[in-house]
Amino acid sequence: MFQELKPAILITIVFTLITGIAYPLAMTGVCQALFHKQANGSLIEQRGRVIGSEIIGQNFAKAEYFHPRPSAAGQNGYDATASGGSNLGPTNPALADRLTKDAAQFRKDNPDYNGPIPADAITASGSGLEPDISPANALAQAPRVAKARGLDGQRVRQMIAANIEGRDLGFLGEPRVNVLKLNLALDQSYPARH
């Protein structure tokens, strides 16, 4: 009987070593060598302190900052350990109530904007941690940010235009604005009034 089990045990050991140890170590080495920043979370540092990640959304609530998409990740949103969408379907009354509430809050936060609310301003992403917003969402928030910072709206729109990232490889995805990078650029060029 051992003669019949011996090949199965050896194959399990060999494949465990290959797929469980050698392959992950090799991929980690390749990623660290070729994509060091991305492999370590695309962290953004300021004055030697990590303040966020380019690829994980975080909340900004003050009027002088651009706000990210709503988050369904965790109890209060933006919890990287609880990434995930709300899983509410389009006919679920809870989703309709949340969208109505978020639309009212968007109008309250951005009283100088009276156009149609960009969809990403009130809908959460699949992960709940989307770091980007659409250019339309950023432009809808521009009057509030300009007013809170005591700036001409044209300067804020120029900052948005300078921070628009195009489609990946020229055809994948949509143009977008990274909220953290835009807010950092604003703080650097036009510090908030206190």
N, C-alpha and C. Protein backbone atom coordinates (compact mmCIF):
# COMPACT_ATOMS: atom_id res chain seq x y z
N MET A 1 0.82 -1.20 0.00
CA MET A 1 0.00 0.00 0.00
C MET A 1 0.86 1.26 0.00
N PHE A 2 1.98 1.25 0.74
CA PHE A 2 2.87 2.41 0.78
C PHE A 2 3.42 2.71 -0.61
N GLN A 3 3.68 1.66 -1.40
CA GLN A 3 4.20 1.85 -2.75
C GLN A 3 3.20 2.64 -3.61
N GLU A 4 1.93 2.48 -3.35
CA GLU A 4 0.90 3.21 -4.10
C GLU A 4 0.77 4.64 -3.61
N LEU A 5 0.96 4.88 -2.32
CA LEU A 5 0.85 6.23 -1.75
C LEU A 5 2.11 7.07 -1.95
N LYS A 6 3.27 6.39 -2.07
CA LYS A 6 4.55 7.08 -2.18
C LYS A 6 4.57 8.10 -3.33
N PRO A 7 4.14 7.77 -4.58
CA PRO A 7 4.15 8.77 -5.65
C PRO A 7 3.24 9.97 -5.34
N ALA A 8 2.09 9.72 -4.75
CA ALA A 8 1.18 10.82 -4.43
C ALA A 8 1.79 11.75 -3.39
N ILE A 9 2.44 11.19 -2.38
CA ILE A 9 3.07 12.00 -1.34
C ILE A 9 4.23 12.81 -1.93
N LEU A 10 5.05 12.18 -2.78
CA LEU A 10 6.17 12.88 -3.40
C LEU A 10 5.71 14.00 -4.33
N ILE A 11 4.68 13.72 -5.11
CA ILE A 11 4.14 14.75 -6.01
C ILE A 11 3.59 15.92 -5.20
N THR A 12 2.90 15.65 -4.11
CA THR A 12 2.37 16.71 -3.25
C THR A 12 3.51 17.55 -2.68
N ILE A 13 4.56 16.92 -2.22
CA ILE A 13 5.72 17.64 -1.67
C ILE A 13 6.39 18.49 -2.75
N VAL A 14 6.62 17.90 -3.92
CA VAL A 14 7.29 18.62 -5.01
C VAL A 14 6.45 19.83 -5.45
N PHE A 15 5.15 19.63 -5.68
CA PHE A 15 4.32 20.74 -6.12
C PHE A 15 4.11 21.79 -5.03
N THR A 16 4.13 21.38 -3.78
CA THR A 16 4.07 22.35 -2.69
C THR A 16 5.31 23.22 -2.69
N LEU A 17 6.47 22.60 -2.89
CA LEU A 17 7.72 23.37 -2.95
C LEU A 17 7.73 24.31 -4.16
N ILE A 18 7.26 23.83 -5.31
CA ILE A 18 7.27 24.65 -6.53
C ILE A 18 6.23 25.77 -6.45
N THR A 19 4.97 25.40 -6.21
CA THR A 19 3.89 26.39 -6.29
C THR A 19 3.67 27.15 -4.98
N GLY A 20 4.11 26.59 -3.89
CA GLY A 20 3.88 27.25 -2.60
C GLY A 20 5.07 28.04 -2.09
N ILE A 21 6.26 27.74 -2.59
CA ILE A 21 7.45 28.43 -2.09
C ILE A 21 8.26 29.05 -3.23
N ALA A 22 8.71 28.24 -4.18
CA ALA A 22 9.60 28.74 -5.24
C ALA A 22 8.92 29.79 -6.12
N TYR A 23 7.72 29.49 -6.61
CA TYR A 23 7.03 30.43 -7.50
C TYR A 23 6.71 31.75 -6.80
N PRO A 24 6.09 31.74 -5.60
CA PRO A 24 5.83 33.02 -4.93
C PRO A 24 7.11 33.82 -4.65
N LEU A 25 8.20 33.16 -4.26
CA LEU A 25 9.45 33.87 -4.02
C LEU A 25 10.00 34.47 -5.32
N ALA A 26 9.90 33.72 -6.41
CA ALA A 26 10.38 34.22 -7.70
C ALA A 26 9.56 35.43 -8.16
N MET A 27 8.24 35.35 -8.04
CA MET A 27 7.39 36.46 -8.45
C MET A 27 7.61 37.69 -7.56
N THR A 28 7.80 37.46 -6.27
CA THR A 28 8.09 38.57 -5.37
C THR A 28 9.39 39.24 -5.77
N GLY A 29 10.41 38.46 -6.09
CA GLY A 29 11.69 39.00 -6.52
C GLY A 29 11.57 39.79 -7.81
N VAL A 30 10.85 39.24 -8.79
CA VAL A 30 10.66 39.93 -10.07
C VAL A 30 9.91 41.24 -9.85
N CYS A 31 8.86 41.20 -9.07
CA CYS A 31 8.07 42.41 -8.82
C CYS A 31 8.88 43.46 -8.07
N GLN A 32 9.65 43.04 -7.09
CA GLN A 32 10.49 44.00 -6.36
C GLN A 32 11.54 44.62 -7.27
N ALA A 33 12.06 43.83 -8.21
CA ALA A 33 13.09 44.35 -9.11
C ALA A 33 12.51 45.25 -10.20
N LEU A 34 11.38 44.85 -10.80
CA LEU A 34 10.83 45.59 -11.93
C LEU A 34 9.77 46.63 -11.55
N PHE A 35 9.01 46.35 -10.51
CA PHE A 35 7.89 47.23 -10.14
C PHE A 35 7.94 47.52 -8.64
N HIS A 36 9.06 48.02 -8.17
CA HIS A 36 9.28 48.20 -6.73
C HIS A 36 8.19 49.05 -6.07
N LYS A 37 7.87 50.19 -6.65
CA LYS A 37 6.87 51.08 -6.05
C LYS A 37 5.50 50.41 -5.96
N GLN A 38 5.07 49.79 -7.06
CA GLN A 38 3.76 49.15 -7.08
C GLN A 38 3.71 47.94 -6.15
N ALA A 39 4.80 47.17 -6.10
CA ALA A 39 4.83 45.98 -5.25
C ALA A 39 4.77 46.33 -3.77
N ASN A 40 5.10 47.57 -3.44
CA ASN A 40 5.07 48.01 -2.05
C ASN A 40 3.90 48.94 -1.75
N GLY A 41 2.87 48.91 -2.59
CA GLY A 41 1.63 49.62 -2.30
C GLY A 41 1.50 51.00 -2.90
N SER A 42 2.41 51.43 -3.75
CA SER A 42 2.36 52.76 -4.37
C SER A 42 2.14 53.85 -3.33
N LEU A 43 2.91 53.76 -2.26
CA LEU A 43 2.75 54.69 -1.14
C LEU A 43 3.26 56.08 -1.50
N ILE A 44 2.59 57.09 -0.97
CA ILE A 44 2.99 58.48 -1.16
C ILE A 44 3.49 58.99 0.18
N GLU A 45 4.70 59.52 0.17
CA GLU A 45 5.31 60.06 1.40
C GLU A 45 5.42 61.57 1.29
N GLN A 46 5.31 62.21 2.42
CA GLN A 46 5.51 63.65 2.50
C GLN A 46 6.30 63.93 3.77
N ARG A 47 7.44 64.56 3.63
CA ARG A 47 8.33 64.86 4.75
C ARG A 47 8.67 63.60 5.54
N GLY A 48 8.93 62.49 4.82
CA GLY A 48 9.34 61.25 5.45
C GLY A 48 8.23 60.46 6.11
N ARG A 49 6.98 60.85 5.91
CA ARG A 49 5.84 60.18 6.53
C ARG A 49 4.87 59.70 5.44
N VAL A 50 4.43 58.46 5.54
CA VAL A 50 3.46 57.93 4.58
C VAL A 50 2.11 58.59 4.85
N ILE A 51 1.54 59.19 3.79
CA ILE A 51 0.24 59.86 3.95
C ILE A 51 -0.88 59.18 3.18
N GLY A 52 -0.54 58.18 2.38
CA GLY A 52 -1.58 57.48 1.64
C GLY A 52 -0.98 56.64 0.53
N SER A 53 -1.86 56.12 -0.28
CA SER A 53 -1.47 55.29 -1.41
C SER A 53 -2.16 55.81 -2.67
N GLU A 54 -1.45 55.73 -3.78
CA GLU A 54 -2.03 56.13 -5.06
C GLU A 54 -3.17 55.20 -5.47
N ILE A 55 -3.19 53.98 -4.95
CA ILE A 55 -4.14 52.98 -5.45
C ILE A 55 -5.23 52.59 -4.46
N ILE A 56 -5.26 53.24 -3.29
CA ILE A 56 -6.31 52.97 -2.31
C ILE A 56 -6.95 54.29 -1.92
N GLY A 57 -8.24 54.40 -2.14
CA GLY A 57 -8.95 55.62 -1.83
C GLY A 57 -9.01 55.89 -0.33
N GLN A 58 -9.07 57.16 0.00
CA GLN A 58 -9.23 57.56 1.39
C GLN A 58 -10.17 58.75 1.42
N ASN A 59 -10.77 58.97 2.56
CA ASN A 59 -11.79 60.01 2.67
C ASN A 59 -11.18 61.38 2.88
N PHE A 60 -11.76 62.36 2.21
CA PHE A 60 -11.48 63.77 2.44
C PHE A 60 -12.84 64.42 2.65
N ALA A 61 -13.04 65.08 3.77
CA ALA A 61 -14.35 65.65 4.05
C ALA A 61 -14.36 67.17 4.09
N LYS A 62 -13.20 67.81 4.25
CA LYS A 62 -13.16 69.26 4.34
C LYS A 62 -13.51 69.89 3.00
N ALA A 63 -14.11 71.08 3.06
CA ALA A 63 -14.56 71.78 1.86
C ALA A 63 -13.42 72.12 0.91
N GLU A 64 -12.21 72.34 1.44
CA GLU A 64 -11.09 72.75 0.59
C GLU A 64 -10.43 71.59 -0.16
N TYR A 65 -10.95 70.40 0.03
CA TYR A 65 -10.41 69.23 -0.65
C TYR A 65 -11.45 68.60 -1.57
N PHE A 66 -10.94 67.98 -2.64
CA PHE A 66 -11.82 67.20 -3.50
C PHE A 66 -12.20 65.93 -2.75
N HIS A 67 -13.45 65.55 -2.87
CA HIS A 67 -13.96 64.37 -2.18
C HIS A 67 -13.93 63.16 -3.11
N PRO A 68 -13.64 61.98 -2.58
CA PRO A 68 -13.62 60.77 -3.41
C PRO A 68 -15.03 60.23 -3.63
N ARG A 69 -15.09 59.11 -4.33
CA ARG A 69 -16.36 58.41 -4.47
C ARG A 69 -16.81 57.91 -3.11
N PRO A 70 -18.11 57.72 -2.93
CA PRO A 70 -18.57 57.09 -1.68
C PRO A 70 -17.96 55.69 -1.55
N SER A 71 -17.82 55.23 -0.33
CA SER A 71 -17.22 53.92 -0.09
C SER A 71 -18.17 53.03 0.70
N ALA A 72 -18.25 51.77 0.27
CA ALA A 72 -19.03 50.77 0.99
C ALA A 72 -18.12 49.81 1.73
N ALA A 73 -16.83 50.15 1.80
CA ALA A 73 -15.84 49.26 2.43
C ALA A 73 -15.80 49.50 3.93
N GLY A 74 -16.31 48.56 4.69
CA GLY A 74 -16.28 48.67 6.15
C GLY A 74 -17.47 49.45 6.70
N GLN A 75 -17.51 49.55 8.01
CA GLN A 75 -18.63 50.19 8.71
C GLN A 75 -18.79 51.66 8.31
N ASN A 76 -17.68 52.41 8.25
CA ASN A 76 -17.74 53.84 7.93
C ASN A 76 -17.12 54.17 6.59
N GLY A 77 -16.83 53.16 5.78
CA GLY A 77 -16.23 53.39 4.48
C GLY A 77 -14.72 53.54 4.55
N TYR A 78 -14.09 53.34 3.42
CA TYR A 78 -12.64 53.52 3.24
C TYR A 78 -11.80 52.63 4.15
N ASP A 79 -12.31 51.47 4.51
CA ASP A 79 -11.59 50.52 5.34
C ASP A 79 -10.92 49.50 4.42
N ALA A 80 -9.60 49.62 4.27
CA ALA A 80 -8.88 48.76 3.33
C ALA A 80 -8.92 47.29 3.73
N THR A 81 -9.23 46.99 4.98
CA THR A 81 -9.32 45.59 5.40
C THR A 81 -10.69 44.99 5.09
N ALA A 82 -11.61 45.83 4.63
CA ALA A 82 -12.97 45.34 4.35
C ALA A 82 -13.40 45.75 2.94
N SER A 83 -12.48 45.66 2.00
CA SER A 83 -12.76 46.07 0.63
C SER A 83 -13.92 45.28 0.05
N GLY A 84 -14.80 45.97 -0.59
CA GLY A 84 -15.92 45.31 -1.26
C GLY A 84 -17.07 46.26 -1.48
N GLY A 85 -17.89 45.94 -2.43
CA GLY A 85 -19.06 46.76 -2.73
C GLY A 85 -20.19 46.48 -1.77
N SER A 86 -21.28 47.18 -1.97
CA SER A 86 -22.43 47.02 -1.09
C SER A 86 -23.25 45.79 -1.44
N ASN A 87 -23.10 45.29 -2.67
CA ASN A 87 -23.87 44.15 -3.17
C ASN A 87 -25.37 44.43 -3.20
N LEU A 88 -25.76 45.69 -3.26
CA LEU A 88 -27.16 46.04 -3.39
C LEU A 88 -27.50 46.12 -4.87
N GLY A 89 -28.56 45.43 -5.28
CA GLY A 89 -28.97 45.43 -6.68
C GLY A 89 -29.70 46.70 -7.06
N PRO A 90 -29.86 46.96 -8.36
CA PRO A 90 -30.48 48.20 -8.81
C PRO A 90 -31.95 48.36 -8.40
N THR A 91 -32.62 47.28 -8.04
CA THR A 91 -34.02 47.40 -7.61
C THR A 91 -34.16 47.40 -6.09
N ASN A 92 -33.05 47.36 -5.38
CA ASN A 92 -33.09 47.34 -3.92
C ASN A 92 -33.43 48.73 -3.38
N PRO A 93 -34.49 48.85 -2.57
CA PRO A 93 -34.87 50.16 -2.02
C PRO A 93 -33.75 50.80 -1.16
N ALA A 94 -32.93 49.99 -0.53
CA ALA A 94 -31.84 50.53 0.29
C ALA A 94 -30.84 51.28 -0.59
N LEU A 95 -30.59 50.77 -1.79
CA LEU A 95 -29.68 51.45 -2.72
C LEU A 95 -30.30 52.76 -3.19
N ALA A 96 -31.57 52.73 -3.54
CA ALA A 96 -32.25 53.95 -3.98
C ALA A 96 -32.23 55.00 -2.87
N ASP A 97 -32.46 54.58 -1.63
CA ASP A 97 -32.42 55.52 -0.50
C ASP A 97 -31.03 56.11 -0.32
N ARG A 98 -30.01 55.26 -0.43
CA ARG A 98 -28.63 55.75 -0.26
C ARG A 98 -28.27 56.73 -1.37
N LEU A 99 -28.65 56.42 -2.61
CA LEU A 99 -28.34 57.32 -3.72
C LEU A 99 -29.06 58.66 -3.57
N THR A 100 -30.30 58.63 -3.12
CA THR A 100 -31.05 59.86 -2.88
C THR A 100 -30.38 60.69 -1.80
N LYS A 101 -29.97 60.02 -0.72
CA LYS A 101 -29.29 60.71 0.39
C LYS A 101 -27.95 61.29 -0.07
N ASP A 102 -27.18 60.50 -0.83
CA ASP A 102 -25.88 60.96 -1.31
C ASP A 102 -26.02 62.10 -2.31
N ALA A 103 -27.05 62.06 -3.15
CA ALA A 103 -27.28 63.15 -4.11
C ALA A 103 -27.62 64.44 -3.36
N ALA A 104 -28.46 64.33 -2.33
CA ALA A 104 -28.79 65.52 -1.53
C ALA A 104 -27.55 66.07 -0.83
N GLN A 105 -26.69 65.19 -0.31
CA GLN A 105 -25.46 65.62 0.35
C GLN A 105 -24.51 66.27 -0.65
N PHE A 106 -24.44 65.73 -1.87
CA PHE A 106 -23.58 66.32 -2.90
C PHE A 106 -24.07 67.73 -3.23
N ARG A 107 -25.36 67.90 -3.36
CA ARG A 107 -25.92 69.24 -3.65
C ARG A 107 -25.65 70.20 -2.49
N LYS A 108 -25.76 69.70 -1.25
CA LYS A 108 -25.49 70.53 -0.07
C LYS A 108 -24.02 70.93 -0.01
N ASP A 109 -23.12 69.98 -0.29
CA ASP A 109 -21.68 70.26 -0.25
C ASP A 109 -21.22 71.14 -1.41
N ASN A 110 -21.93 71.08 -2.52
CA ASN A 110 -21.53 71.82 -3.74
C ASN A 110 -22.68 72.71 -4.22
N PRO A 111 -23.06 73.73 -3.43
CA PRO A 111 -24.23 74.54 -3.76
C PRO A 111 -24.07 75.38 -5.04
N ASP A 112 -22.84 75.64 -5.45
CA ASP A 112 -22.62 76.45 -6.65
C ASP A 112 -22.65 75.63 -7.93
N TYR A 113 -22.81 74.32 -7.82
CA TYR A 113 -22.91 73.45 -8.99
C TYR A 113 -24.37 73.05 -9.17
N ASN A 114 -24.91 73.32 -10.37
CA ASN A 114 -26.31 72.97 -10.59
C ASN A 114 -26.52 72.08 -11.81
N GLY A 115 -25.46 71.51 -12.33
CA GLY A 115 -25.58 70.58 -13.45
C GLY A 115 -25.97 69.19 -12.97
N PRO A 116 -26.02 68.24 -13.89
CA PRO A 116 -26.33 66.86 -13.48
C PRO A 116 -25.19 66.30 -12.63
N ILE A 117 -25.54 65.55 -11.61
CA ILE A 117 -24.54 64.98 -10.70
C ILE A 117 -23.83 63.83 -11.42
N PRO A 118 -22.50 63.89 -11.52
CA PRO A 118 -21.78 62.76 -12.13
C PRO A 118 -22.06 61.47 -11.35
N ALA A 119 -22.22 60.38 -12.07
CA ALA A 119 -22.58 59.11 -11.43
C ALA A 119 -21.59 58.70 -10.35
N ASP A 120 -20.29 58.92 -10.60
CA ASP A 120 -19.30 58.48 -9.61
C ASP A 120 -19.27 59.36 -8.36
N ALA A 121 -20.03 60.44 -8.35
CA ALA A 121 -20.09 61.29 -7.15
C ALA A 121 -21.01 60.69 -6.10
N ILE A 122 -21.91 59.78 -6.52
CA ILE A 122 -22.85 59.21 -5.55
C ILE A 122 -22.86 57.68 -5.53
N THR A 123 -22.13 57.05 -6.44
CA THR A 123 -22.09 55.58 -6.46
C THR A 123 -20.72 55.08 -6.01
N ALA A 124 -20.73 54.03 -5.22
CA ALA A 124 -19.47 53.42 -4.76
C ALA A 124 -18.91 52.53 -5.85
N SER A 125 -17.61 52.33 -5.82
CA SER A 125 -16.97 51.42 -6.77
C SER A 125 -17.13 49.98 -6.28
N GLY A 126 -16.71 49.03 -7.10
CA GLY A 126 -16.80 47.62 -6.72
C GLY A 126 -15.98 47.29 -5.49
N SER A 127 -14.84 47.94 -5.33
CA SER A 127 -13.99 47.67 -4.17
C SER A 127 -14.34 48.55 -2.98
N GLY A 128 -14.97 49.69 -3.25
CA GLY A 128 -15.23 50.66 -2.19
C GLY A 128 -14.02 51.49 -1.86
N LEU A 129 -12.92 51.29 -2.59
CA LEU A 129 -11.66 51.99 -2.30
C LEU A 129 -11.07 52.64 -3.55
N GLU A 130 -11.91 53.05 -4.47
CA GLU A 130 -11.46 53.65 -5.71
C GLU A 130 -10.73 54.96 -5.42
N PRO A 131 -9.48 55.09 -5.86
CA PRO A 131 -8.72 56.31 -5.57
C PRO A 131 -9.00 57.45 -6.55
N ASP A 132 -9.71 57.15 -7.64
CA ASP A 132 -9.92 58.12 -8.70
C ASP A 132 -11.37 58.55 -8.81
N ILE A 133 -11.55 59.75 -9.37
CA ILE A 133 -12.88 60.23 -9.74
C ILE A 133 -12.81 60.66 -11.20
N SER A 134 -13.96 60.83 -11.80
CA SER A 134 -14.00 61.27 -13.19
C SER A 134 -13.67 62.76 -13.25
N PRO A 135 -13.16 63.23 -14.40
CA PRO A 135 -12.95 64.67 -14.55
C PRO A 135 -14.24 65.46 -14.33
N ALA A 136 -15.38 64.91 -14.75
CA ALA A 136 -16.66 65.61 -14.54
C ALA A 136 -16.96 65.78 -13.05
N ASN A 137 -16.67 64.76 -12.26
CA ASN A 137 -16.87 64.83 -10.81
C ASN A 137 -15.95 65.90 -10.21
N ALA A 138 -14.69 65.91 -10.63
CA ALA A 138 -13.75 66.92 -10.13
C ALA A 138 -14.21 68.33 -10.50
N LEU A 139 -14.64 68.51 -11.74
CA LEU A 139 -15.10 69.83 -12.17
C LEU A 139 -16.36 70.26 -11.43
N ALA A 140 -17.22 69.32 -11.07
CA ALA A 140 -18.44 69.65 -10.31
C ALA A 140 -18.07 70.15 -8.91
N GLN A 141 -16.95 69.66 -8.36
CA GLN A 141 -16.52 70.06 -7.02
C GLN A 141 -15.64 71.31 -7.04
N ALA A 142 -15.16 71.71 -8.22
CA ALA A 142 -14.21 72.81 -8.35
C ALA A 142 -14.70 74.12 -7.72
N PRO A 143 -15.96 74.55 -7.92
CA PRO A 143 -16.38 75.82 -7.30
C PRO A 143 -16.27 75.80 -5.77
N ARG A 144 -16.63 74.69 -5.15
CA ARG A 144 -16.54 74.58 -3.68
C ARG A 144 -15.10 74.67 -3.22
N VAL A 145 -14.21 73.94 -3.89
CA VAL A 145 -12.80 73.93 -3.51
C VAL A 145 -12.19 75.31 -3.71
N ALA A 146 -12.50 75.95 -4.84
CA ALA A 146 -11.98 77.29 -5.11
C ALA A 146 -12.44 78.28 -4.05
N LYS A 147 -13.71 78.23 -3.71
CA LYS A 147 -14.26 79.14 -2.69
C LYS A 147 -13.61 78.90 -1.34
N ALA A 148 -13.47 77.64 -0.94
CA ALA A 148 -12.89 77.30 0.36
C ALA A 148 -11.43 77.71 0.46
N ARG A 149 -10.73 77.72 -0.66
CA ARG A 149 -9.31 78.09 -0.68
C ARG A 149 -9.09 79.55 -1.05
N GLY A 150 -10.15 80.26 -1.38
CA GLY A 150 -10.02 81.66 -1.76
C GLY A 150 -9.34 81.83 -3.11
N LEU A 151 -9.62 80.91 -4.04
CA LEU A 151 -8.98 80.92 -5.35
C LEU A 151 -9.98 81.25 -6.45
N ASP A 152 -9.44 81.70 -7.56
CA ASP A 152 -10.22 81.84 -8.77
C ASP A 152 -10.54 80.44 -9.29
N GLY A 153 -11.75 80.23 -9.72
CA GLY A 153 -12.16 78.91 -10.21
C GLY A 153 -11.31 78.41 -11.36
N GLN A 154 -10.80 79.31 -12.17
CA GLN A 154 -9.97 78.92 -13.32
C GLN A 154 -8.69 78.22 -12.86
N ARG A 155 -8.10 78.68 -11.77
CA ARG A 155 -6.89 78.03 -11.26
C ARG A 155 -7.17 76.59 -10.82
N VAL A 156 -8.29 76.39 -10.17
CA VAL A 156 -8.65 75.04 -9.73
C VAL A 156 -8.93 74.15 -10.93
N ARG A 157 -9.61 74.68 -11.94
CA ARG A 157 -9.87 73.89 -13.15
C ARG A 157 -8.56 73.54 -13.87
N GLN A 158 -7.59 74.45 -13.83
CA GLN A 158 -6.28 74.16 -14.43
C GLN A 158 -5.58 73.05 -13.66
N MET A 159 -5.70 73.05 -12.33
CA MET A 159 -5.10 71.98 -11.53
C MET A 159 -5.75 70.64 -11.87
N ILE A 160 -7.05 70.65 -12.06
CA ILE A 160 -7.75 69.42 -12.44
C ILE A 160 -7.23 68.94 -13.80
N ALA A 161 -7.17 69.85 -14.77
CA ALA A 161 -6.71 69.47 -16.12
C ALA A 161 -5.29 68.91 -16.07
N ALA A 162 -4.44 69.49 -15.22
CA ALA A 162 -3.05 69.03 -15.12
C ALA A 162 -2.95 67.66 -14.47
N ASN A 163 -3.99 67.24 -13.73
CA ASN A 163 -3.95 65.97 -13.01
C ASN A 163 -4.82 64.88 -13.63
N ILE A 164 -5.36 65.13 -14.81
CA ILE A 164 -6.16 64.10 -15.48
C ILE A 164 -5.22 63.05 -16.05
N GLU A 165 -5.48 61.80 -15.70
CA GLU A 165 -4.72 60.67 -16.23
C GLU A 165 -5.55 60.06 -17.35
N GLY A 166 -4.92 59.83 -18.49
CA GLY A 166 -5.62 59.28 -19.65
C GLY A 166 -5.90 57.80 -19.52
N ARG A 167 -6.47 57.25 -20.57
CA ARG A 167 -6.77 55.82 -20.62
C ARG A 167 -5.47 55.02 -20.59
N ASP A 168 -5.47 53.91 -19.88
CA ASP A 168 -4.29 53.04 -19.85
C ASP A 168 -4.07 52.46 -21.25
N LEU A 169 -2.82 52.49 -21.68
CA LEU A 169 -2.42 52.02 -23.01
C LEU A 169 -3.17 52.73 -24.13
N GLY A 170 -3.79 53.86 -23.81
CA GLY A 170 -4.49 54.64 -24.81
C GLY A 170 -5.92 54.21 -25.11
N PHE A 171 -6.35 53.06 -24.57
CA PHE A 171 -7.71 52.59 -24.90
C PHE A 171 -8.41 51.89 -23.74
N LEU A 172 -7.74 51.61 -22.65
CA LEU A 172 -8.37 50.90 -21.52
C LEU A 172 -8.86 51.88 -20.47
N GLY A 173 -10.09 51.69 -20.02
CA GLY A 173 -10.64 52.52 -18.97
C GLY A 173 -11.04 53.89 -19.45
N GLU A 174 -11.26 54.77 -18.51
CA GLU A 174 -11.70 56.13 -18.78
C GLU A 174 -10.70 57.13 -18.21
N PRO A 175 -10.67 58.35 -18.72
CA PRO A 175 -9.84 59.37 -18.09
C PRO A 175 -10.29 59.55 -16.64
N ARG A 176 -9.32 59.86 -15.77
CA ARG A 176 -9.62 59.92 -14.35
C ARG A 176 -8.68 60.90 -13.65
N VAL A 177 -9.05 61.23 -12.42
CA VAL A 177 -8.25 62.13 -11.59
C VAL A 177 -8.04 61.42 -10.26
N ASN A 178 -6.78 61.27 -9.86
CA ASN A 178 -6.47 60.66 -8.56
C ASN A 178 -6.71 61.71 -7.49
N VAL A 179 -7.62 61.44 -6.57
CA VAL A 179 -8.05 62.42 -5.57
C VAL A 179 -6.89 62.83 -4.64
N LEU A 180 -6.14 61.86 -4.15
CA LEU A 180 -5.04 62.17 -3.24
C LEU A 180 -3.99 63.02 -3.94
N LYS A 181 -3.59 62.65 -5.14
CA LYS A 181 -2.59 63.42 -5.87
C LYS A 181 -3.08 64.84 -6.15
N LEU A 182 -4.35 64.98 -6.55
CA LEU A 182 -4.90 66.31 -6.82
C LEU A 182 -4.91 67.16 -5.56
N ASN A 183 -5.34 66.58 -4.45
CA ASN A 183 -5.37 67.35 -3.20
C ASN A 183 -3.97 67.73 -2.74
N LEU A 184 -3.00 66.84 -2.94
CA LEU A 184 -1.61 67.18 -2.59
C LEU A 184 -1.08 68.29 -3.49
N ALA A 185 -1.40 68.22 -4.78
CA ALA A 185 -0.96 69.27 -5.70
C ALA A 185 -1.57 70.62 -5.31
N LEU A 186 -2.83 70.60 -4.91
CA LEU A 186 -3.47 71.83 -4.45
C LEU A 186 -2.80 72.38 -3.20
N ASP A 187 -2.53 71.50 -2.24
CA ASP A 187 -1.88 71.94 -1.01
C ASP A 187 -0.49 72.53 -1.29
N GLN A 188 0.20 71.96 -2.25
CA GLN A 188 1.54 72.45 -2.58
C GLN A 188 1.48 73.81 -3.28
N SER A 189 0.56 73.95 -4.23
CA SER A 189 0.48 75.19 -5.01
C SER A 189 -0.34 76.29 -4.33
N TYR A 190 -1.42 75.89 -3.68
CA TYR A 190 -2.33 76.85 -3.07
C TYR A 190 -2.78 76.34 -1.71
N PRO A 191 -1.95 76.50 -0.67
CA PRO A 191 -2.32 75.98 0.66
C PRO A 191 -3.69 76.50 1.11
N ALA A 192 -4.41 75.64 1.81
CA ALA A 192 -5.74 76.01 2.30
C ALA A 192 -5.64 77.12 3.32
N ARG A 193 -6.66 77.97 3.33
CA ARG A 193 -6.71 79.07 4.31
C ARG A 193 -7.13 78.50 5.65
N HIS A 194 -6.57 79.04 6.73
CA HIS A 194 -6.99 78.61 8.07
C HIS A 194 -7.33 79.80 8.90
